[in-house]
PDB file of N, CA and C in Angstrom:
ATOM      1  N   MET A   1     -34.314  32.713 -86.487  1.00  0.00           N
ATOM      2  CA  MET A   1     -34.229  31.509 -85.702  1.00  0.00           C
ATOM      3  C   MET A   1     -35.513  30.713 -85.911  1.00  0.00           C
ATOM      4  N   PRO A   2     -35.417  29.443 -86.252  1.00  0.00           N
ATOM      5  CA  PRO A   2     -36.598  28.633 -86.484  1.00  0.00           C
ATOM      6  C   PRO A   2     -37.312  28.335 -85.164  1.00  0.00           C
ATOM      7  N   ALA A   3     -38.634  28.194 -85.267  1.00  0.00           N
ATOM      8  CA  ALA A   3     -39.480  27.907 -84.092  1.00  0.00           C
ATOM      9  C   ALA A   3     -39.214  26.517 -83.552  1.00  0.00           C
ATOM     10  N   ASN A   4     -38.768  25.632 -84.417  1.00  0.00           N
ATOM     11  CA  ASN A   4     -38.507  24.246 -84.026  1.00  0.00           C
ATOM     12  C   ASN A   4     -37.395  24.156 -82.994  1.00  0.00           C
ATOM     13  N   SER A   5     -36.409  25.049 -83.055  1.00  0.00           N
ATOM     14  CA  SER A   5     -35.277  24.987 -82.132  1.00  0.00           C
ATOM     15  C   SER A   5     -35.697  25.368 -80.712  1.00  0.00           C
ATOM     16  N   THR A   6     -36.704  26.189 -80.526  1.00  0.00           N
ATOM     17  CA  THR A   6     -37.158  26.540 -79.177  1.00  0.00           C
ATOM     18  C   THR A   6     -38.148  25.520 -78.624  1.00  0.00           C
ATOM     19  N   VAL A   7     -38.858  24.842 -79.508  1.00  0.00           N
ATOM     20  CA  VAL A   7     -39.830  23.848 -79.066  1.00  0.00           C
ATOM     21  C   VAL A   7     -39.130  22.592 -78.569  1.00  0.00           C
ATOM     22  N   GLN A   8     -38.058  22.178 -79.228  1.00  0.00           N
ATOM     23  CA  GLN A   8     -37.372  20.930 -78.884  1.00  0.00           C
ATOM     24  C   GLN A   8     -36.830  20.937 -77.456  1.00  0.00           C
ATOM     25  N   PRO A   9     -36.144  21.981 -76.980  1.00  0.00           N
ATOM     26  CA  PRO A   9     -35.679  21.956 -75.578  1.00  0.00           C
ATOM     27  C   PRO A   9     -36.834  21.923 -74.589  1.00  0.00           C
ATOM     28  N   ALA A  10     -37.910  22.643 -74.892  1.00  0.00           N
ATOM     29  CA  ALA A  10     -39.058  22.636 -73.989  1.00  0.00           C
ATOM     30  C   ALA A  10     -39.678  21.247 -73.940  1.00  0.00           C
ATOM     31  N   LEU A  11     -39.759  20.586 -75.092  1.00  0.00           N
ATOM     32  CA  LEU A  11     -40.298  19.222 -75.151  1.00  0.00           C
ATOM     33  C   LEU A  11     -39.397  18.258 -74.398  1.00  0.00           C
ATOM     34  N   ASP A  12     -38.094  18.403 -74.541  1.00  0.00           N
ATOM     35  CA  ASP A  12     -37.152  17.544 -73.814  1.00  0.00           C
ATOM     36  C   ASP A  12     -37.285  17.731 -72.302  1.00  0.00           C
ATOM     37  N   ASP A  13     -37.458  19.001 -71.869  1.00  0.00           N
ATOM     38  CA  ASP A  13     -37.633  19.271 -70.435  1.00  0.00           C
ATOM     39  C   ASP A  13     -38.914  18.637 -69.916  1.00  0.00           C
ATOM     40  N   THR A  14     -39.981  18.710 -70.706  1.00  0.00           N
ATOM     41  CA  THR A  14     -41.262  18.129 -70.299  1.00  0.00           C
ATOM     42  C   THR A  14     -41.165  16.618 -70.193  1.00  0.00           C
ATOM     43  N   VAL A  15     -40.556  15.986 -71.180  1.00  0.00           N
ATOM     44  CA  VAL A  15     -40.409  14.525 -71.164  1.00  0.00           C
ATOM     45  C   VAL A  15     -39.557  14.091 -69.987  1.00  0.00           C
ATOM     46  N   SER A  16     -38.468  14.790 -69.728  1.00  0.00           N
ATOM     47  CA  SER A  16     -37.601  14.402 -68.613  1.00  0.00           C
ATOM     48  C   SER A  16     -38.284  14.660 -67.270  1.00  0.00           C
ATOM     49  N   ALA A  17     -39.165  15.639 -67.211  1.00  0.00           N
ATOM     50  CA  ALA A  17     -39.881  15.921 -65.959  1.00  0.00           C
ATOM     51  C   ALA A  17     -40.995  14.914 -65.716  1.00  0.00           C
ATOM     52  N   THR A  18     -41.558  14.332 -66.766  1.00  0.00           N
ATOM     53  CA  THR A  18     -42.660  13.395 -66.575  1.00  0.00           C
ATOM     54  C   THR A  18     -42.187  12.001 -66.183  1.00  0.00           C
ATOM     55  N   ALA A  19     -40.958  11.648 -66.425  1.00  0.00           N
ATOM     56  CA  ALA A  19     -40.468  10.309 -66.071  1.00  0.00           C
ATOM     57  C   ALA A  19     -40.554  10.054 -64.570  1.00  0.00           C
ATOM     58  N   PRO A  20     -40.068  10.956 -63.713  1.00  0.00           N
ATOM     59  CA  PRO A  20     -40.221  10.706 -62.273  1.00  0.00           C
ATOM     60  C   PRO A  20     -41.692  10.728 -61.840  1.00  0.00           C
ATOM     61  N   SER A  21     -42.478  11.596 -62.448  1.00  0.00           N
ATOM     62  CA  SER A  21     -43.893  11.648 -62.106  1.00  0.00           C
ATOM     63  C   SER A  21     -44.583  10.346 -62.473  1.00  0.00           C
ATOM     64  N   ARG A  22     -44.233   9.816 -63.620  1.00  0.00           N
ATOM     65  CA  ARG A  22     -44.830   8.546 -64.055  1.00  0.00           C
ATOM     66  C   ARG A  22     -44.437   7.422 -63.099  1.00  0.00           C
ATOM     67  N   ALA A  23     -43.181   7.417 -62.684  1.00  0.00           N
ATOM     68  CA  ALA A  23     -42.720   6.384 -61.744  1.00  0.00           C
ATOM     69  C   ALA A  23     -43.478   6.496 -60.419  1.00  0.00           C
ATOM     70  N   LYS A  24     -43.684   7.744 -59.944  1.00  0.00           N
ATOM     71  CA  LYS A  24     -44.429   7.933 -58.704  1.00  0.00           C
ATOM     72  C   LYS A  24     -45.875   7.491 -58.859  1.00  0.00           C
ATOM     73  N   LEU A  25     -46.468   7.788 -60.012  1.00  0.00           N
ATOM     74  CA  LEU A  25     -47.841   7.382 -60.271  1.00  0.00           C
ATOM     75  C   LEU A  25     -47.963   5.860 -60.289  1.00  0.00           C
ATOM     76  N   GLU A  26     -47.046   5.196 -60.959  1.00  0.00           N
ATOM     77  CA  GLU A  26     -47.070   3.725 -61.011  1.00  0.00           C
ATOM     78  C   GLU A  26     -46.880   3.135 -59.621  1.00  0.00           C
ATOM     79  N   GLU A  27     -46.007   3.750 -58.824  1.00  0.00           N
ATOM     80  CA  GLU A  27     -45.782   3.273 -57.457  1.00  0.00           C
ATOM     81  C   GLU A  27     -47.047   3.463 -56.610  1.00  0.00           C
ATOM     82  N   ALA A  28     -47.700   4.609 -56.771  1.00  0.00           N
ATOM     83  CA  ALA A  28     -48.927   4.884 -56.023  1.00  0.00           C
ATOM     84  C   ALA A  28     -50.033   3.912 -56.432  1.00  0.00           C
ATOM     85  N   LEU A  29     -50.140   3.624 -57.722  1.00  0.00           N
ATOM     86  CA  LEU A  29     -51.150   2.678 -58.191  1.00  0.00           C
ATOM     87  C   LEU A  29     -50.884   1.272 -57.660  1.00  0.00           C
ATOM     88  N   ALA A  30     -49.635   0.865 -57.638  1.00  0.00           N
ATOM     89  CA  ALA A  30     -49.283  -0.461 -57.106  1.00  0.00           C
ATOM     90  C   ALA A  30     -49.617  -0.530 -55.614  1.00  0.00           C
ATOM     91  N   ASP A  31     -49.328   0.536 -54.885  1.00  0.00           N
ATOM     92  CA  ASP A  31     -49.640   0.586 -53.457  1.00  0.00           C
ATOM     93  C   ASP A  31     -51.155   0.533 -53.241  1.00  0.00           C
ATOM     94  N   PHE A  32     -51.897   1.284 -54.049  1.00  0.00           N
ATOM     95  CA  PHE A  32     -53.356   1.273 -53.957  1.00  0.00           C
ATOM     96  C   PHE A  32     -53.903  -0.118 -54.255  1.00  0.00           C
ATOM     97  N   ARG A  33     -53.382  -0.784 -55.272  1.00  0.00           N
ATOM     98  CA  ARG A  33     -53.830  -2.134 -55.626  1.00  0.00           C
ATOM     99  C   ARG A  33     -53.574  -3.095 -54.473  1.00  0.00           C
ATOM    100  N   ASP A  34     -52.401  -2.999 -53.853  1.00  0.00           N
ATOM    101  CA  ASP A  34     -52.070  -3.882 -52.727  1.00  0.00           C
ATOM    102  C   ASP A  34     -53.003  -3.649 -51.547  1.00  0.00           C
ATOM    103  N   ARG A  35     -53.271  -2.379 -51.255  1.00  0.00           N
ATOM    104  CA  ARG A  35     -54.159  -2.062 -50.137  1.00  0.00           C
ATOM    105  C   ARG A  35     -55.591  -2.516 -50.424  1.00  0.00           C
ATOM    106  N   ALA A  36     -56.044  -2.311 -51.649  1.00  0.00           N
ATOM    107  CA  ALA A  36     -57.401  -2.730 -52.004  1.00  0.00           C
ATOM    108  C   ALA A  36     -57.540  -4.246 -51.905  1.00  0.00           C
ATOM    109  N   THR A  37     -56.522  -4.972 -52.333  1.00  0.00           N
ATOM    110  CA  THR A  37     -56.539  -6.429 -52.233  1.00  0.00           C
ATOM    111  C   THR A  37     -56.594  -6.864 -50.773  1.00  0.00           C
ATOM    112  N   GLN A  38     -55.814  -6.210 -49.940  1.00  0.00           N
ATOM    113  CA  GLN A  38     -55.790  -6.551 -48.518  1.00  0.00           C
ATOM    114  C   GLN A  38     -57.144  -6.270 -47.870  1.00  0.00           C
ATOM    115  N   VAL A  39     -57.742  -5.132 -48.174  1.00  0.00           N
ATOM    116  CA  VAL A  39     -59.049  -4.788 -47.604  1.00  0.00           C
ATOM    117  C   VAL A  39     -60.104  -5.782 -48.075  1.00  0.00           C
ATOM    118  N   ALA A  40     -60.064  -6.152 -49.360  1.00  0.00           N
ATOM    119  CA  ALA A  40     -61.036  -7.112 -49.886  1.00  0.00           C
ATOM    120  C   ALA A  40     -60.892  -8.459 -49.182  1.00  0.00           C
ATOM    121  N   GLN A  41     -59.669  -8.919 -48.987  1.00  0.00           N
ATOM    122  CA  GLN A  41     -59.451 -10.198 -48.311  1.00  0.00           C
ATOM    123  C   GLN A  41     -59.930 -10.151 -46.864  1.00  0.00           C
ATOM    124  N   GLU A  42     -59.661  -9.045 -46.177  1.00  0.00           N
ATOM    125  CA  GLU A  42     -60.110  -8.911 -44.794  1.00  0.00           C
ATOM    126  C   GLU A  42     -61.640  -8.884 -44.715  1.00  0.00           C
ATOM    127  N   THR A  43     -62.265  -8.216 -45.664  1.00  0.00           N
ATOM    128  CA  THR A  43     -63.726  -8.145 -45.692  1.00  0.00           C
ATOM    129  C   THR A  43     -64.335  -9.523 -45.927  1.00  0.00           C
ATOM    130  N   ILE A  44     -63.755 -10.267 -46.851  1.00  0.00           N
ATOM    131  CA  ILE A  44     -64.251 -11.620 -47.135  1.00  0.00           C
ATOM    132  C   ILE A  44     -64.116 -12.506 -45.904  1.00  0.00           C
ATOM    133  N   GLU A  45     -62.985 -12.444 -45.240  1.00  0.00           N
ATOM    134  CA  GLU A  45     -62.778 -13.259 -44.036  1.00  0.00           C
ATOM    135  C   GLU A  45     -63.770 -12.861 -42.943  1.00  0.00           C
ATOM    136  N   SER A  46     -64.023 -11.570 -42.802  1.00  0.00           N
ATOM    137  CA  SER A  46     -64.978 -11.097 -41.801  1.00  0.00           C
ATOM    138  C   SER A  46     -66.381 -11.602 -42.113  1.00  0.00           C
ATOM    139  N   LEU A  47     -66.776 -11.527 -43.373  1.00  0.00           N
ATOM    140  CA  LEU A  47     -68.102 -12.007 -43.761  1.00  0.00           C
ATOM    141  C   LEU A  47     -68.234 -13.511 -43.552  1.00  0.00           C
ATOM    142  N   LYS A  48     -67.167 -14.250 -43.850  1.00  0.00           N
ATOM    143  CA  LYS A  48     -67.210 -15.701 -43.627  1.00  0.00           C
ATOM    144  C   LYS A  48     -67.411 -16.016 -42.152  1.00  0.00           C
ATOM    145  N   SER A  49     -66.677 -15.320 -41.293  1.00  0.00           N
ATOM    146  CA  SER A  49     -66.800 -15.604 -39.859  1.00  0.00           C
ATOM    147  C   SER A  49     -68.173 -15.192 -39.329  1.00  0.00           C
ATOM    148  N   GLN A  50     -68.753 -14.128 -39.883  1.00  0.00           N
ATOM    149  CA  GLN A  50     -70.081 -13.705 -39.451  1.00  0.00           C
ATOM    150  C   GLN A  50     -71.166 -14.645 -39.961  1.00  0.00           C
ATOM    151  N   ALA A  51     -70.942 -15.291 -41.094  1.00  0.00           N
ATOM    152  CA  ALA A  51     -71.957 -16.157 -41.694  1.00  0.00           C
ATOM    153  C   ALA A  51     -71.975 -17.555 -41.086  1.00  0.00           C
ATOM    154  N   LYS A  52     -70.895 -17.967 -40.439  1.00  0.00           N
ATOM    155  CA  LYS A  52     -70.822 -19.330 -39.892  1.00  0.00           C
ATOM    156  C   LYS A  52     -71.989 -19.687 -38.972  1.00  0.00           C
ATOM    157  N   PRO A  53     -72.375 -18.837 -38.025  1.00  0.00           N
ATOM    158  CA  PRO A  53     -73.517 -19.216 -37.159  1.00  0.00           C
ATOM    159  C   PRO A  53     -74.813 -19.388 -37.958  1.00  0.00           C
ATOM    160  N   TYR A  54     -75.013 -18.538 -38.945  1.00  0.00           N
ATOM    161  CA  TYR A  54     -76.240 -18.634 -39.742  1.00  0.00           C
ATOM    162  C   TYR A  54     -76.249 -19.892 -40.591  1.00  0.00           C
ATOM    163  N   ILE A  55     -75.112 -20.265 -41.104  1.00  0.00           N
ATOM    164  CA  ILE A  55     -75.013 -21.487 -41.907  1.00  0.00           C
ATOM    165  C   ILE A  55     -75.313 -22.697 -41.030  1.00  0.00           C
ATOM    166  N   GLY A  56     -74.770 -22.698 -39.824  1.00  0.00           N
ATOM    167  CA  GLY A  56     -75.037 -23.798 -38.892  1.00  0.00           C
ATOM    168  C   GLY A  56     -76.512 -23.891 -38.527  1.00  0.00           C
ATOM    169  N   ASP A  57     -77.136 -22.733 -38.274  1.00  0.00           N
ATOM    170  CA  ASP A  57     -78.575 -22.723 -37.944  1.00  0.00           C
ATOM    171  C   ASP A  57     -79.407 -23.209 -39.123  1.00  0.00           C
ATOM    172  N   ALA A  58     -79.075 -22.753 -40.316  1.00  0.00           N
ATOM    173  CA  ALA A  58     -79.831 -23.168 -41.506  1.00  0.00           C
ATOM    174  C   ALA A  58     -79.693 -24.670 -41.732  1.00  0.00           C
ATOM    175  N   ASP A  59     -78.498 -25.198 -41.538  1.00  0.00           N
ATOM    176  CA  ASP A  59     -78.285 -26.635 -41.711  1.00  0.00           C
ATOM    177  C   ASP A  59     -79.105 -27.419 -40.699  1.00  0.00           C
ATOM    178  N   GLU A  60     -79.154 -26.925 -39.476  1.00  0.00           N
ATOM    179  CA  GLU A  60     -79.942 -27.598 -38.436  1.00  0.00           C
ATOM    180  C   GLU A  60     -81.438 -27.571 -38.775  1.00  0.00           C
ATOM    181  N   LYS A  61     -81.933 -26.428 -39.227  1.00  0.00           N
ATOM    182  CA  LYS A  61     -83.350 -26.310 -39.596  1.00  0.00           C
ATOM    183  C   LYS A  61     -83.693 -27.204 -40.783  1.00  0.00           C
ATOM    184  N   LEU A  62     -82.804 -27.288 -41.759  1.00  0.00           N
ATOM    185  CA  LEU A  62     -83.049 -28.167 -42.908  1.00  0.00           C
ATOM    186  C   LEU A  62     -83.092 -29.633 -42.500  1.00  0.00           C
ATOM    187  N   THR A  63     -82.220 -30.003 -41.585  1.00  0.00           N
ATOM    188  CA  THR A  63     -82.210 -31.378 -41.092  1.00  0.00           C
ATOM    189  C   THR A  63     -83.517 -31.689 -40.363  1.00  0.00           C
ATOM    190  N   GLU A  64     -83.978 -30.749 -39.543  1.00  0.00           N
ATOM    191  CA  GLU A  64     -85.247 -30.945 -38.840  1.00  0.00           C
ATOM    192  C   GLU A  64     -86.408 -31.045 -39.822  1.00  0.00           C
ATOM    193  N   ALA A  65     -86.433 -30.174 -40.812  1.00  0.00           N
ATOM    194  CA  ALA A  65     -87.514 -30.178 -41.801  1.00  0.00           C
ATOM    195  C   ALA A  65     -87.518 -31.479 -42.597  1.00  0.00           C
ATOM    196  N   ARG A  66     -86.332 -31.948 -42.960  1.00  0.00           N
ATOM    197  CA  ARG A  66     -86.229 -33.203 -43.718  1.00  0.00           C
ATOM    198  C   ARG A  66     -86.772 -34.368 -42.897  1.00  0.00           C
ATOM    199  N   SER A  67     -86.392 -34.438 -41.596  1.00  0.00           N
ATOM    200  CA  SER A  67     -86.896 -35.542 -40.773  1.00  0.00           C
ATOM    201  C   SER A  67     -88.405 -35.449 -40.591  1.00  0.00           C
ATOM    202  N   TYR A  68     -88.935 -34.232 -40.439  1.00  0.00           N
ATOM    203  CA  TYR A  68     -90.384 -34.050 -40.285  1.00  0.00           C
ATOM    204  C   TYR A  68     -91.116 -34.516 -41.539  1.00  0.00           C
ATOM    205  N   ILE A  69     -90.607 -34.141 -42.697  1.00  0.00           N
ATOM    206  CA  ILE A  69     -91.260 -34.530 -43.958  1.00  0.00           C
ATOM    207  C   ILE A  69     -91.209 -36.040 -44.151  1.00  0.00           C
ATOM    208  N   VAL A  70     -90.063 -36.631 -43.886  1.00  0.00           N
ATOM    209  CA  VAL A  70     -89.935 -38.091 -44.034  1.00  0.00           C
ATOM    210  C   VAL A  70     -90.896 -38.799 -43.086  1.00  0.00           C
ATOM    211  N   GLU A  71     -90.988 -38.307 -41.878  1.00  0.00           N
ATOM    212  CA  GLU A  71     -91.886 -38.918 -40.893  1.00  0.00           C
ATOM    213  C   GLU A  71     -93.342 -38.815 -41.343  1.00  0.00           C
ATOM    214  N   ARG A  72     -93.741 -37.643 -41.820  1.00  0.00           N
ATOM    215  CA  ARG A  72     -95.126 -37.458 -42.277  1.00  0.00           C
ATOM    216  C   ARG A  72     -95.446 -38.320 -43.492  1.00  0.00           C
ATOM    217  N   VAL A  73     -94.532 -38.435 -44.409  1.00  0.00           N
ATOM    218  CA  VAL A  73     -94.777 -39.245 -45.613  1.00  0.00           C
ATOM    219  C   VAL A  73     -94.886 -40.718 -45.229  1.00  0.00           C
ATOM    220  N   GLN A  74     -94.077 -41.161 -44.267  1.00  0.00           N
ATOM    221  CA  GLN A  74     -94.147 -42.562 -43.862  1.00  0.00           C
ATOM    222  C   GLN A  74     -95.442 -42.862 -43.111  1.00  0.00           C
ATOM    223  N   LYS A  75     -95.938 -41.889 -42.335  1.00  0.00           N
ATOM    224  CA  LYS A  75     -97.180 -42.115 -41.584  1.00  0.00           C
ATOM    225  C   LYS A  75     -98.406 -42.030 -42.478  1.00  0.00           C
ATOM    226  N   GLN A  76     -98.438 -41.091 -43.405  1.00  0.00           N
ATOM    227  CA  GLN A  76     -99.608 -40.874 -44.258  1.00  0.00           C
ATOM    228  C   GLN A  76     -99.164 -40.664 -45.704  1.00  0.00           C
ATOM    229  N   PRO A  77     -98.806 -41.749 -46.400  1.00  0.00           N
ATOM    230  CA  PRO A  77     -98.290 -41.588 -47.758  1.00  0.00           C
ATOM    231  C   PRO A  77     -99.335 -41.066 -48.749  1.00  0.00           C
ATOM    232  N   LEU A  78    -100.586 -41.494 -48.618  1.00  0.00           N
ATOM    233  CA  LEU A  78    -101.613 -41.054 -49.555  1.00  0.00           C
ATOM    234  C   LEU A  78    -101.908 -39.562 -49.388  1.00  0.00           C
ATOM    235  N   ALA A  79    -102.064 -39.116 -48.156  1.00  0.00           N
ATOM    236  CA  ALA A  79    -102.340 -37.700 -47.901  1.00  0.00           C
ATOM    237  C   ALA A  79    -101.173 -36.827 -48.372  1.00  0.00           C
ATOM    238  N   SER A  80     -99.952 -37.293 -48.148  1.00  0.00           N
ATOM    239  CA  SER A  80     -98.770 -36.539 -48.583  1.00  0.00           C
ATOM    240  C   SER A  80     -98.705 -36.445 -50.096  1.00  0.00           C
ATOM    241  N   THR A  81     -99.003 -37.551 -50.768  1.00  0.00           N
ATOM    242  CA  THR A  81     -98.983 -37.561 -52.232  1.00  0.00           C
ATOM    243  C   THR A  81    -100.026 -36.617 -52.789  1.00  0.00           C
ATOM    244  N   LEU A  82    -101.239 -36.640 -52.222  1.00  0.00           N
ATOM    245  CA  LEU A  82    -102.297 -35.744 -52.688  1.00  0.00           C
ATOM    246  C   LEU A  82    -101.954 -34.273 -52.415  1.00  0.00           C
ATOM    247  N   ALA A  83    -101.323 -34.003 -51.280  1.00  0.00           N
ATOM    248  CA  ALA A  83    -100.938 -32.624 -50.963  1.00  0.00           C
ATOM    249  C   ALA A  83     -99.901 -32.110 -51.961  1.00  0.00           C
ATOM    250  N   VAL A  84     -98.920 -32.941 -52.273  1.00  0.00           N
ATOM    251  CA  VAL A  84     -97.893 -32.548 -53.238  1.00  0.00           C
ATOM    252  C   VAL A  84     -98.501 -32.379 -54.623  1.00  0.00           C
ATOM    253  N   LEU A  85     -99.417 -33.256 -54.983  1.00  0.00           N
ATOM    254  CA  LEU A  85    -100.101 -33.147 -56.281  1.00  0.00           C
ATOM    255  C   LEU A  85    -100.897 -31.844 -56.354  1.00  0.00           C
ATOM    256  N   GLY A  86    -101.593 -31.502 -55.272  1.00  0.00           N
ATOM    257  CA  GLY A  86    -102.359 -30.256 -55.230  1.00  0.00           C
ATOM    258  C   GLY A  86    -101.470 -29.024 -55.374  1.00  0.00           C
ATOM    259  N   VAL A  87    -100.351 -29.025 -54.695  1.00  0.00           N
ATOM    260  CA  VAL A  87     -99.412 -27.911 -54.808  1.00  0.00           C
ATOM    261  C   VAL A  87     -98.879 -27.816 -56.233  1.00  0.00           C
ATOM    262  N   GLY A  88     -98.588 -28.958 -56.842  1.00  0.00           N
ATOM    263  CA  GLY A  88     -98.101 -28.964 -58.221  1.00  0.00           C
ATOM    264  C   GLY A  88     -99.119 -28.407 -59.198  1.00  0.00           C
ATOM    265  N   VAL A  89    -100.385 -28.769 -58.992  1.00  0.00           N
ATOM    266  CA  VAL A  89    -101.453 -28.257 -59.862  1.00  0.00           C
ATOM    267  C   VAL A  89    -101.576 -26.738 -59.689  1.00  0.00           C
ATOM    268  N   LEU A  90    -101.542 -26.262 -58.451  1.00  0.00           N
ATOM    269  CA  LEU A  90    -101.641 -24.818 -58.209  1.00  0.00           C
ATOM    270  C   LEU A  90    -100.480 -24.052 -58.849  1.00  0.00           C
ATOM    271  N   VAL A  91     -99.291 -24.570 -58.710  1.00  0.00           N
ATOM    272  CA  VAL A  91     -98.130 -23.919 -59.320  1.00  0.00           C
ATOM    273  C   VAL A  91     -98.268 -23.931 -60.838  1.00  0.00           C
ATOM    274  N   GLY A  92     -98.727 -25.043 -61.396  1.00  0.00           N
ATOM    275  CA  GLY A  92     -98.937 -25.128 -62.842  1.00  0.00           C
ATOM    276  C   GLY A  92     -99.972 -24.128 -63.328  1.00  0.00           C
ATOM    277  N   LEU A  93    -101.056 -23.970 -62.581  1.00  0.00           N
ATOM    278  CA  LEU A  93    -102.089 -22.990 -62.950  1.00  0.00           C
ATOM    279  C   LEU A  93    -101.557 -21.561 -62.898  1.00  0.00           C
ATOM    280  N   VAL A  94    -100.772 -21.275 -61.877  1.00  0.00           N
ATOM    281  CA  VAL A  94    -100.204 -19.926 -61.757  1.00  0.00           C
ATOM    282  C   VAL A  94     -99.254 -19.644 -62.914  1.00  0.00           C
ATOM    283  N   LEU A  95     -98.413 -20.612 -63.233  1.00  0.00           N
ATOM    284  CA  LEU A  95     -97.457 -20.420 -64.326  1.00  0.00           C
ATOM    285  C   LEU A  95     -98.149 -20.356 -65.677  1.00  0.00           C
ATOM    286  N   ALA A  96     -99.179 -21.144 -65.882  1.00  0.00           N
ATOM    287  CA  ALA A  96     -99.891 -21.160 -67.162  1.00  0.00           C
ATOM    288  C   ALA A  96    -100.826 -19.959 -67.287  1.00  0.00           C
ATOM    289  N   GLY A  97    -101.207 -19.349 -66.186  1.00  0.00           N
ATOM    290  CA  GLY A  97    -102.133 -18.221 -66.216  1.00  0.00           C
ATOM    291  C   GLY A  97    -101.596 -17.044 -66.994  1.00  0.00           C
ATOM    292  N   GLY A  98    -100.320 -16.821 -66.983  1.00  0.00           N
ATOM    293  CA  GLY A  98     -99.726 -15.708 -67.716  1.00  0.00           C
ATOM    294  C   GLY A  98     -99.696 -15.935 -69.223  1.00  0.00           C
ATOM    295  N   ARG A  99     -99.763 -17.147 -69.658  1.00  0.00           N
ATOM    296  CA  ARG A  99     -99.688 -17.465 -71.099  1.00  0.00           C
ATOM    297  C   ARG A  99    -101.028 -17.306 -71.789  1.00  0.00           C
ATOM    298  N   ASN A 100    -102.115 -17.498 -71.077  1.00  0.00           N
ATOM    299  CA  ASN A 100    -103.451 -17.461 -71.686  1.00  0.00           C
ATOM    300  C   ASN A 100    -103.938 -16.038 -71.956  1.00  0.00           C
ATOM    301  N   ARG A 101    -103.308 -15.074 -71.431  1.00  0.00           N
ATOM    302  CA  ARG A 101    -103.784 -13.698 -71.570  1.00  0.00           C
ATOM    303  C   ARG A 101    -103.269 -13.058 -72.796  1.00  0.00           C
TER     304      ARG A 101
END
């Protein structure tokens, strides 16, 4: 009796047994994907709702800072210009300091 005749039925049994397993695996993966998508969406919505107060506070602080800067520049334009120039020179020196070494 050839060995091929005993291998073929065993192979057929294995292939037929893996079809339902494969279907279950694909179903489980689809379910996992759906759940992961739902959790990600819920997390994003939660983070958005938690960030809203901070965004509002930051916007308010930026508005206050902008009005303060505009007011100071209008009251003392020369001093403001010199201060900005000084900061620019310092930043330039710091950035150029790494190149000279």
